[in-house]
C-alpha atoms as a PDB file:
ATOM      1  CA  MET A   1      39.685 129.624 -16.942  1.00  0.00           C
ATOM      2  CA  ASP A   2      38.288 132.602 -15.030  1.00  0.00           C
ATOM      3  CA  ASN A   3      40.126 135.960 -16.988  1.00  0.00           C
ATOM      4  CA  THR A   4      39.996 137.615 -13.993  1.00  0.00           C
ATOM      5  CA  ASN A   5      41.716 134.699 -11.777  1.00  0.00           C
ATOM      6  CA  MET A   6      43.926 134.972 -14.315  1.00  0.00           C
ATOM      7  CA  ILE A   7      44.912 138.637 -13.957  1.00  0.00           C
ATOM      8  CA  SER A   8      44.530 138.465 -10.164  1.00  0.00           C
ATOM      9  CA  ASN A   9      47.529 135.527 -10.203  1.00  0.00           C
ATOM     10  CA  GLU A  10      49.613 137.528 -12.781  1.00  0.00           C
ATOM     11  CA  ILE A  11      49.388 140.412  -9.696  1.00  0.00           C
ATOM     12  CA  ARG A  12      50.057 138.532  -7.264  1.00  0.00           C
ATOM     13  CA  SER A  13      53.431 136.523  -9.007  1.00  0.00           C
ATOM     14  CA  GLN A  14      54.696 139.828 -10.102  1.00  0.00           C
ATOM     15  CA  VAL A  15      54.103 141.531  -6.187  1.00  0.00           C
ATOM     16  CA  LEU A  16      56.355 138.508  -5.195  1.00  0.00           C
ATOM     17  CA  ILE A  17      59.267 139.097  -7.841  1.00  0.00           C
ATOM     18  CA  ASP A  18      59.448 142.691  -7.186  1.00  0.00           C
ATOM     19  CA  ALA A  19      59.940 142.220  -3.659  1.00  0.00           C
ATOM     20  CA  LEU A  20      62.647 139.940  -4.258  1.00  0.00           C
ATOM     21  CA  PRO A  21      65.569 142.027  -4.452  1.00  0.00           C
ATOM     22  CA  TYR A  22      64.398 143.645  -1.083  1.00  0.00           C
ATOM     23  CA  ILE A  23      63.961 140.541   0.682  1.00  0.00           C
ATOM     24  CA  GLN A  24      67.726 139.399  -0.515  1.00  0.00           C
ATOM     25  CA  ARG A  25      68.751 142.850   0.438  1.00  0.00           C
ATOM     26  CA  TYR A  26      67.438 142.186   4.265  1.00  0.00           C
ATOM     27  CA  ASN A  27      68.083 138.094   4.441  1.00  0.00           C
ATOM     28  CA  ASP A  28      69.389 137.478   7.651  1.00  0.00           C
ATOM     29  CA  LYS A  29      69.713 141.134   8.579  1.00  0.00           C
ATOM     30  CA  ILE A  30      67.925 142.689  11.943  1.00  0.00           C
ATOM     31  CA  ILE A  31      65.202 145.093  11.749  1.00  0.00           C
ATOM     32  CA  VAL A  32      64.023 146.869  14.739  1.00  0.00           C
ATOM     33  CA  ILE A  33      60.334 148.139  14.466  1.00  0.00           C
ATOM     34  CA  LYS A  34      59.101 150.655  17.103  1.00  0.00           C
ATOM     35  CA  TYR A  35      55.230 150.119  17.241  1.00  0.00           C
ATOM     36  CA  GLY A  36      52.889 152.652  18.926  1.00  0.00           C
ATOM     37  CA  GLY A  37      50.227 155.257  18.079  1.00  0.00           C
ATOM     38  CA  ASN A  38      47.221 154.434  16.235  1.00  0.00           C
ATOM     39  CA  ALA A  39      48.404 151.087  14.836  1.00  0.00           C
ATOM     40  CA  MET A  40      48.354 149.716  18.483  1.00  0.00           C
ATOM     41  CA  THR A  41      44.577 150.857  19.380  1.00  0.00           C
ATOM     42  CA  ASN A  42      42.995 149.957  15.803  1.00  0.00           C
ATOM     43  CA  GLU A  43      42.182 146.582  15.780  1.00  0.00           C
ATOM     44  CA  GLU A  44      42.658 146.061  11.901  1.00  0.00           C
ATOM     45  CA  LEU A  45      46.134 147.800  11.824  1.00  0.00           C
ATOM     46  CA  LYS A  46      47.071 146.104  14.534  1.00  0.00           C
ATOM     47  CA  ASN A  47      46.184 142.927  12.823  1.00  0.00           C
ATOM     48  CA  ALA A  48      48.174 144.512   9.440  1.00  0.00           C
ATOM     49  CA  VAL A  49      51.146 144.814  11.500  1.00  0.00           C
ATOM     50  CA  MET A  50      51.225 141.501  13.201  1.00  0.00           C
ATOM     51  CA  SER A  51      51.068 139.706   9.870  1.00  0.00           C
ATOM     52  CA  ASP A  52      53.774 142.247   8.108  1.00  0.00           C
ATOM     53  CA  ILE A  53      55.971 140.924  11.032  1.00  0.00           C
ATOM     54  CA  VAL A  54      55.013 137.418  10.520  1.00  0.00           C
ATOM     55  CA  LEU A  55      55.950 137.718   6.777  1.00  0.00           C
ATOM     56  CA  LEU A  56      58.986 139.589   7.399  1.00  0.00           C
ATOM     57  CA  ASN A  57      60.189 136.660   9.945  1.00  0.00           C
ATOM     58  CA  LEU A  58      59.387 133.971   7.570  1.00  0.00           C
ATOM     59  CA  VAL A  59      61.020 135.247   4.643  1.00  0.00           C
ATOM     60  CA  GLY A  60      64.455 135.257   6.850  1.00  0.00           C
ATOM     61  CA  ILE A  61      64.568 138.998   7.850  1.00  0.00           C
ATOM     62  CA  LYS A  62      65.096 139.043  11.633  1.00  0.00           C
ATOM     63  CA  THR A  63      62.916 141.485  13.395  1.00  0.00           C
ATOM     64  CA  VAL A  64      62.287 143.037  17.047  1.00  0.00           C
ATOM     65  CA  LEU A  65      59.745 144.588  18.235  1.00  0.00           C
ATOM     66  CA  VAL A  66      59.906 147.413  20.883  1.00  0.00           C
ATOM     67  CA  HIS A  67      56.745 148.597  21.702  1.00  0.00           C
ATOM     68  CA  GLY A  68      55.420 151.360  23.956  1.00  0.00           C
ATOM     69  CA  GLY A  69      51.628 151.524  25.680  1.00  0.00           C
ATOM     70  CA  GLY A  70      50.936 154.697  26.599  1.00  0.00           C
ATOM     71  CA  PRO A  71      46.854 154.250  26.624  1.00  0.00           C
ATOM     72  CA  GLU A  72      46.723 151.205  28.203  1.00  0.00           C
ATOM     73  CA  ILE A  73      49.050 153.000  31.239  1.00  0.00           C
ATOM     74  CA  ASN A  74      46.826 156.398  31.111  1.00  0.00           C
ATOM     75  CA  GLU A  75      43.979 153.817  31.592  1.00  0.00           C
ATOM     76  CA  MET A  76      45.146 151.807  34.462  1.00  0.00           C
ATOM     77  CA  LEU A  77      46.301 155.233  35.652  1.00  0.00           C
ATOM     78  CA  SER A  78      42.718 156.221  36.050  1.00  0.00           C
ATOM     79  CA  ARG A  79      41.319 153.482  37.444  1.00  0.00           C
ATOM     80  CA  VAL A  80      43.455 153.358  40.459  1.00  0.00           C
ATOM     81  CA  GLY A  81      42.845 157.157  40.959  1.00  0.00           C
ATOM     82  CA  ILE A  82      46.313 158.315  39.423  1.00  0.00           C
ATOM     83  CA  GLU A  83      46.567 161.319  37.550  1.00  0.00           C
ATOM     84  CA  SER A  84      48.644 160.878  34.559  1.00  0.00           C
ATOM     85  CA  ARG A  85      51.029 164.041  33.968  1.00  0.00           C
ATOM     86  CA  PHE A  86      53.515 164.510  31.256  1.00  0.00           C
ATOM     87  CA  ILE A  87      56.418 166.936  31.121  1.00  0.00           C
ATOM     88  CA  ASN A  88      58.401 167.795  28.467  1.00  0.00           C
ATOM     89  CA  GLY A  89      56.916 165.200  26.378  1.00  0.00           C
ATOM     90  CA  LEU A  90      57.821 162.138  29.203  1.00  0.00           C
ATOM     91  CA  ARG A  91      55.715 160.752  31.571  1.00  0.00           C
ATOM     92  CA  TYR A  92      56.359 161.581  35.058  1.00  0.00           C
ATOM     93  CA  THR A  93      56.980 158.640  36.839  1.00  0.00           C
ATOM     94  CA  ASP A  94      56.330 158.283  40.738  1.00  0.00           C
ATOM     95  CA  GLU A  95      56.519 154.774  42.948  1.00  0.00           C
ATOM     96  CA  ALA A  96      53.118 154.184  42.520  1.00  0.00           C
ATOM     97  CA  THR A  97      53.114 154.828  38.539  1.00  0.00           C
ATOM     98  CA  VAL A  98      56.556 152.750  37.914  1.00  0.00           C
ATOM     99  CA  ASP A  99      54.767 149.755  39.041  1.00  0.00           C
ATOM    100  CA  ILE A 100      51.560 150.189  36.770  1.00  0.00           C
ATOM    101  CA  VAL A 101      53.649 150.740  34.059  1.00  0.00           C
ATOM    102  CA  LYS A 102      55.791 147.206  34.677  1.00  0.00           C
ATOM    103  CA  MET A 103      52.293 145.691  35.060  1.00  0.00           C
ATOM    104  CA  VAL A 104      50.797 147.277  32.468  1.00  0.00           C
ATOM    105  CA  LEU A 105      53.505 146.912  29.726  1.00  0.00           C
ATOM    106  CA  ALA A 106      55.879 143.945  30.730  1.00  0.00           C
ATOM    107  CA  GLY A 107      52.373 142.013  31.476  1.00  0.00           C
ATOM    108  CA  LYS A 108      49.643 142.802  29.669  1.00  0.00           C
ATOM    109  CA  VAL A 109      50.326 144.537  26.676  1.00  0.00           C
ATOM    110  CA  ASN A 110      53.513 142.707  26.162  1.00  0.00           C
ATOM    111  CA  LYS A 111      51.704 139.463  26.561  1.00  0.00           C
ATOM    112  CA  GLU A 112      48.954 140.758  24.423  1.00  0.00           C
ATOM    113  CA  LEU A 113      51.378 141.315  21.339  1.00  0.00           C
ATOM    114  CA  VAL A 114      52.727 137.620  21.865  1.00  0.00           C
ATOM    115  CA  SER A 115      49.469 136.112  21.543  1.00  0.00           C
ATOM    116  CA  HIS A 116      48.289 138.556  18.656  1.00  0.00           C
ATOM    117  CA  LEU A 117      51.763 137.106  16.508  1.00  0.00           C
ATOM    118  CA  SER A 118      50.993 133.589  17.202  1.00  0.00           C
ATOM    119  CA  ARG A 119      47.668 133.852  16.319  1.00  0.00           C
ATOM    120  CA  HIS A 120      48.977 135.318  12.898  1.00  0.00           C
ATOM    121  CA  GLY A 121      51.366 131.914  12.717  1.00  0.00           C
ATOM    122  CA  GLY A 122      54.420 133.830  14.158  1.00  0.00           C
ATOM    123  CA  LYS A 123      56.657 132.279  16.590  1.00  0.00           C
ATOM    124  CA  ALA A 124      57.323 135.601  19.153  1.00  0.00           C
ATOM    125  CA  LEU A 125      59.206 135.660  22.524  1.00  0.00           C
ATOM    126  CA  GLY A 126      58.050 138.598  25.162  1.00  0.00           C
ATOM    127  CA  MET A 127      60.745 139.895  27.343  1.00  0.00           C
ATOM    128  CA  CYS A 128      61.330 143.531  28.882  1.00  0.00           C
ATOM    129  CA  GLY A 129      64.516 145.540  29.807  1.00  0.00           C
ATOM    130  CA  ILE A 130      64.986 143.889  33.463  1.00  0.00           C
ATOM    131  CA  ASP A 131      64.761 140.186  31.461  1.00  0.00           C
ATOM    132  CA  GLY A 132      68.735 138.928  31.465  1.00  0.00           C
ATOM    133  CA  GLN A 133      69.512 142.991  32.809  1.00  0.00           C
ATOM    134  CA  MET A 134      69.064 143.637  28.916  1.00  0.00           C
ATOM    135  CA  LEU A 135      68.606 147.218  29.374  1.00  0.00           C
ATOM    136  CA  ILE A 136      70.530 148.823  32.437  1.00  0.00           C
ATOM    137  CA  CYS A 137      69.710 152.176  33.150  1.00  0.00           C
ATOM    138  CA  LYS A 138      70.042 155.502  35.628  1.00  0.00           C
ATOM    139  CA  LYS A 139      68.322 158.116  36.563  1.00  0.00           C
ATOM    140  CA  LEU A 140      67.349 160.781  33.692  1.00  0.00           C
ATOM    141  CA  GLU A 141      68.795 163.968  34.635  1.00  0.00           C
ATOM    142  CA  SER A 142      66.409 166.790  33.781  1.00  0.00           C
ATOM    143  CA  GLU A 143      65.858 170.252  34.373  1.00  0.00           C
ATOM    144  CA  VAL A 144      62.442 169.296  35.947  1.00  0.00           C
ATOM    145  CA  ASP A 145      62.140 166.077  38.258  1.00  0.00           C
ATOM    146  CA  LEU A 146      60.483 163.066  36.232  1.00  0.00           C
ATOM    147  CA  GLY A 147      60.539 160.761  39.240  1.00  0.00           C
ATOM    148  CA  TYR A 148      61.562 156.939  38.078  1.00  0.00           C
ATOM    149  CA  VAL A 149      62.358 157.761  34.325  1.00  0.00           C
ATOM    150  CA  GLY A 150      65.225 156.063  33.025  1.00  0.00           C
ATOM    151  CA  GLU A 151      68.484 156.935  30.619  1.00  0.00           C
ATOM    152  CA  ILE A 152      69.993 153.872  28.787  1.00  0.00           C
ATOM    153  CA  GLU A 153      73.687 153.208  29.883  1.00  0.00           C
ATOM    154  CA  LYS A 154      73.991 149.909  28.713  1.00  0.00           C
ATOM    155  CA  VAL A 155      72.249 147.479  26.310  1.00  0.00           C
ATOM    156  CA  ASN A 156      73.204 143.562  26.709  1.00  0.00           C
ATOM    157  CA  THR A 157      72.083 142.233  23.228  1.00  0.00           C
ATOM    158  CA  ALA A 158      72.439 138.571  24.388  1.00  0.00           C
ATOM    159  CA  PRO A 159      68.683 137.510  25.064  1.00  0.00           C
ATOM    160  CA  ILE A 160      67.381 139.142  21.920  1.00  0.00           C
ATOM    161  CA  THR A 161      70.541 137.472  19.534  1.00  0.00           C
ATOM    162  CA  ASP A 162      69.372 134.437  21.341  1.00  0.00           C
ATOM    163  CA  ALA A 163      65.590 134.624  20.340  1.00  0.00           C
ATOM    164  CA  LEU A 164      66.445 135.997  16.975  1.00  0.00           C
ATOM    165  CA  GLU A 165      68.714 132.438  16.367  1.00  0.00           C
ATOM    166  CA  HIS A 166      66.284 130.324  17.535  1.00  0.00           C
ATOM    167  CA  GLY A 167      63.443 132.085  14.873  1.00  0.00           C
ATOM    168  CA  TYR A 168      61.481 134.020  17.468  1.00  0.00           C
ATOM    169  CA  VAL A 169      60.552 137.379  17.195  1.00  0.00           C
ATOM    170  CA  PRO A 170      62.066 139.436  20.554  1.00  0.00           C
ATOM    171  CA  VAL A 171      58.780 141.776  21.401  1.00  0.00           C
ATOM    172  CA  ILE A 172      60.308 144.085  24.311  1.00  0.00           C
ATOM    173  CA  SER A 173      58.600 146.592  26.650  1.00  0.00           C
ATOM    174  CA  THR A 174      60.735 149.321  27.992  1.00  0.00           C
ATOM    175  CA  VAL A 175      60.702 148.848  31.501  1.00  0.00           C
ATOM    176  CA  ALA A 176      64.639 148.732  32.860  1.00  0.00           C
ATOM    177  CA  CYS A 177      66.409 148.672  35.728  1.00  0.00           C
ATOM    178  CA  ASP A 178      69.494 149.882  37.625  1.00  0.00           C
ATOM    179  CA  GLU A 179      72.379 148.741  38.550  1.00  0.00           C
ATOM    180  CA  GLN A 180      70.936 148.143  42.441  1.00  0.00           C
ATOM    181  CA  GLY A 181      67.610 146.789  40.743  1.00  0.00           C
ATOM    182  CA  GLN A 182      65.471 149.382  40.756  1.00  0.00           C
ATOM    183  CA  THR A 183      62.871 149.713  38.096  1.00  0.00           C
ATOM    184  CA  TYR A 184      62.604 152.561  35.843  1.00  0.00           C
ATOM    185  CA  ASN A 185      60.207 153.815  33.027  1.00  0.00           C
ATOM    186  CA  VAL A 186      62.094 154.124  29.609  1.00  0.00           C
ATOM    187  CA  ASN A 187      60.706 156.124  26.436  1.00  0.00           C
ATOM    188  CA  ALA A 188      60.379 153.390  23.686  1.00  0.00           C
ATOM    189  CA  ASP A 189      61.548 155.833  21.139  1.00  0.00           C
ATOM    190  CA  THR A 190      64.970 156.174  22.869  1.00  0.00           C
ATOM    191  CA  ALA A 191      65.040 152.257  23.746  1.00  0.00           C
ATOM    192  CA  ALA A 192      64.630 151.050  20.031  1.00  0.00           C
ATOM    193  CA  ALA A 193      67.275 153.618  18.537  1.00  0.00           C
ATOM    194  CA  ARG A 194      69.870 152.190  21.119  1.00  0.00           C
ATOM    195  CA  ILE A 195      68.726 148.497  20.849  1.00  0.00           C
ATOM    196  CA  ALA A 196      69.344 148.886  17.155  1.00  0.00           C
ATOM    197  CA  ALA A 197      72.111 150.530  17.481  1.00  0.00           C
ATOM    198  CA  GLU A 198      73.565 147.816  19.483  1.00  0.00           C
ATOM    199  CA  LEU A 199      72.185 145.098  17.234  1.00  0.00           C
ATOM    200  CA  ARG A 200      73.746 147.101  14.472  1.00  0.00           C
ATOM    201  CA  ALA A 201      70.612 147.018  12.707  1.00  0.00           C
ATOM    202  CA  GLU A 202      69.866 147.263   9.060  1.00  0.00           C
ATOM    203  CA  ASN A 203      66.863 149.453   9.672  1.00  0.00           C
ATOM    204  CA  LEU A 204      65.077 151.325  12.667  1.00  0.00           C
ATOM    205  CA  ILE A 205      61.416 151.991  12.096  1.00  0.00           C
ATOM    206  CA  LEU A 206      59.095 154.471  14.314  1.00  0.00           C
ATOM    207  CA  MET A 207      55.656 153.998  13.597  1.00  0.00           C
ATOM    208  CA  THR A 208      53.590 157.027  14.335  1.00  0.00           C
ATOM    209  CA  ASP A 209      50.476 158.725  13.631  1.00  0.00           C
ATOM    210  CA  ILE A 210      51.752 161.462  11.027  1.00  0.00           C
ATOM    211  CA  VAL A 211      52.947 160.650   7.649  1.00  0.00           C
ATOM    212  CA  GLY A 212      56.713 161.971   8.094  1.00  0.00           C
ATOM    213  CA  LEU A 213      58.576 165.113   8.409  1.00  0.00           C
ATOM    214  CA  LEU A 214      56.973 167.734   6.668  1.00  0.00           C
ATOM    215  CA  ARG A 215      58.119 170.969   5.280  1.00  0.00           C
ATOM    216  CA  ASP A 216      54.815 172.856   6.015  1.00  0.00           C
ATOM    217  CA  LYS A 217      53.707 170.740   9.240  1.00  0.00           C
ATOM    218  CA  ASP A 218      49.919 171.214   7.718  1.00  0.00           C
ATOM    219  CA  ASN A 219      50.474 170.585   4.414  1.00  0.00           C
ATOM    220  CA  ASN A 220      50.789 166.346   4.007  1.00  0.00           C
ATOM    221  CA  SER A 221      52.165 166.725   0.225  1.00  0.00           C
ATOM    222  CA  THR A 222      55.338 168.710   1.734  1.00  0.00           C
ATOM    223  CA  LEU A 223      56.471 164.990   2.643  1.00  0.00           C
ATOM    224  CA  ILE A 224      60.335 165.084   2.854  1.00  0.00           C
ATOM    225  CA  PRO A 225      61.311 161.621   2.106  1.00  0.00           C
ATOM    226  CA  LYS A 226      64.940 161.376   3.156  1.00  0.00           C
ATOM    227  CA  VAL A 227      67.503 163.270   5.258  1.00  0.00           C
ATOM    228  CA  GLN A 228      70.912 163.785   5.636  1.00  0.00           C
ATOM    229  CA  VAL A 229      71.905 163.796   9.314  1.00  0.00           C
ATOM    230  CA  SER A 230      73.892 166.269   9.011  1.00  0.00           C
ATOM    231  CA  GLU A 231      70.771 168.019   8.090  1.00  0.00           C
ATOM    232  CA  VAL A 232      68.667 167.862  11.078  1.00  0.00           C
ATOM    233  CA  PRO A 233      70.644 170.709  12.966  1.00  0.00           C
ATOM    234  CA  PHE A 234      70.097 173.168  10.284  1.00  0.00           C
ATOM    235  CA  MET A 235      65.845 172.143   9.819  1.00  0.00           C
ATOM    236  CA  LYS A 236      65.650 172.400  13.580  1.00  0.00           C
ATOM    237  CA  ARG A 237      66.654 176.229  13.228  1.00  0.00           C
ATOM    238  CA  GLN A 238      64.375 176.849  10.575  1.00  0.00           C
ATOM    239  CA  GLY A 239      61.594 175.140  12.467  1.00  0.00           C
ATOM    240  CA  ILE A 240      60.596 172.510  10.007  1.00  0.00           C
ATOM    241  CA  ILE A 241      61.633 169.971  12.819  1.00  0.00           C
ATOM    242  CA  SER A 242      59.816 171.314  16.286  1.00  0.00           C
ATOM    243  CA  GLY A 243      57.644 170.002  18.981  1.00  0.00           C
ATOM    244  CA  GLY A 244      57.021 166.657  19.439  1.00  0.00           C
ATOM    245  CA  MET A 245      59.279 165.680  16.120  1.00  0.00           C
ATOM    246  CA  ILE A 246      62.450 167.262  17.757  1.00  0.00           C
ATOM    247  CA  PRO A 247      62.896 164.096  20.334  1.00  0.00           C
ATOM    248  CA  LYS A 248      61.589 161.371  17.483  1.00  0.00           C
ATOM    249  CA  ILE A 249      64.036 162.773  15.267  1.00  0.00           C
ATOM    250  CA  ASP A 250      66.905 163.149  17.892  1.00  0.00           C
ATOM    251  CA  CYS A 251      66.480 159.175  18.155  1.00  0.00           C
ATOM    252  CA  CYS A 252      66.846 158.479  14.468  1.00  0.00           C
ATOM    253  CA  VAL A 253      69.871 160.347  14.443  1.00  0.00           C
ATOM    254  CA  GLU A 254      71.634 158.859  17.350  1.00  0.00           C
ATOM    255  CA  ALA A 255      70.530 155.477  15.893  1.00  0.00           C
ATOM    256  CA  VAL A 256      72.262 156.506  12.610  1.00  0.00           C
ATOM    257  CA  ARG A 257      75.555 157.857  14.429  1.00  0.00           C
ATOM    258  CA  ARG A 258      75.845 154.418  16.399  1.00  0.00           C
ATOM    259  CA  GLY A 259      75.613 152.204  13.262  1.00  0.00           C
ATOM    260  CA  VAL A 260      71.965 151.818  11.992  1.00  0.00           C
ATOM    261  CA  LYS A 261      71.869 152.032   8.122  1.00  0.00           C
ATOM    262  CA  LYS A 262      68.799 154.113   7.849  1.00  0.00           C
ATOM    263  CA  THR A 263      66.041 154.894  10.281  1.00  0.00           C
ATOM    264  CA  CYS A 264      62.329 155.489   9.194  1.00  0.00           C
ATOM    265  CA  ILE A 265      59.795 157.586  10.340  1.00  0.00           C
ATOM    266  CA  ILE A 266      56.667 156.049   9.000  1.00  0.00           C
ATOM    267  CA  ASP A 267      52.757 156.417   9.169  1.00  0.00           C
ATOM    268  CA  GLY A 268      51.273 153.493  11.168  1.00  0.00           C
ATOM    269  CA  ARG A 269      47.638 154.555  10.397  1.00  0.00           C
ATOM    270  CA  VAL A 270      48.534 153.307   6.647  1.00  0.00           C
ATOM    271  CA  LYS A 271      47.485 149.374   6.168  1.00  0.00           C
ATOM    272  CA  HIS A 272      51.005 147.077   5.976  1.00  0.00           C
ATOM    273  CA  SER A 273      52.987 150.015   5.999  1.00  0.00           C
ATOM    274  CA  ILE A 274      55.459 147.944   6.992  1.00  0.00           C
ATOM    275  CA  LEU A 275      55.920 145.990   3.904  1.00  0.00           C
ATOM    276  CA  ILE A 276      55.573 148.966   1.610  1.00  0.00           C
ATOM    277  CA  GLU A 277      58.696 150.759   3.630  1.00  0.00           C
ATOM    278  CA  ILE A 278      61.094 147.567   3.357  1.00  0.00           C
ATOM    279  CA  LEU A 279      59.700 145.572   0.414  1.00  0.00           C
ATOM    280  CA  SER A 280      59.495 148.623  -2.095  1.00  0.00           C
ATOM    281  CA  ASN A 281      62.298 151.378  -3.280  1.00  0.00           C
ATOM    282  CA  GLU A 282      60.070 154.335  -2.899  1.00  0.00           C
ATOM    283  CA  GLY A 283      59.397 153.408   0.908  1.00  0.00           C
ATOM    284  CA  ILE A 284      57.237 155.357   2.855  1.00  0.00           C
ATOM    285  CA  GLY A 285      57.542 158.153   5.173  1.00  0.00           C
ATOM    286  CA  THR A 286      60.764 160.004   6.173  1.00  0.00           C
ATOM    287  CA  GLN A 287      64.091 158.375   5.838  1.00  0.00           C
ATOM    288  CA  PHE A 288      67.149 159.326   7.420  1.00  0.00           C
ATOM    289  CA  VAL A 289      70.402 158.069   6.694  1.00  0.00           C
END
């Protein structure tokens, strides 16, 4: 027998043995993954994410995928001659834009992700916040009018748990409506945090284009692997948490305070970063506990 194959098989079996405690820990538990950034646009990374999710689902880890779709929305707005505007990191959403957001997120992006998961051997069910009144929201109040940008008031988890109980991966786009049926655009990080909290998820994973929270934002070797949520206000005052990291980390903190066991910001540019986070002791990125 070829010695190379023997070594390869030994390594494969050891990997499975090492992963077993983590599979047992998460078995029949719920994890919520917010999918965005480069991992959504790079085909190789997208295939890695899809295979990770299918694997987790097959070993009994109930996985919910919440997605954005900013680049696709920008492209469609440009195509129809509407300028993309952002205020404090949130998309200004007028009446024409909210229709484009609904069409792109709930139609194009959502169904493409369902198709990708199916091609990797998974069972996926596409839905948006409007389906089954999953996400009820109101207009987000802010110093500057953002148009039809919503703030979640209530999460109805029944459509999600029904899909999970039947072995499907729920793939959720974050358009929602209010009690009168008006459609709103909802920030995907915020929606993922609320959904994870209402599901009492074991883990919320935010996929980003950075390695995690850095003590020095220009030095990847200063990654902070674990943060207690009580430390976050002090880190903001120190300037360690600043700029675009503030809303992401606020989502992590809110999820933990609402009952999620652990939240993580991970680097979606690393292939199979989801598996590294879930099926290893070291994990990847920054954990908030």
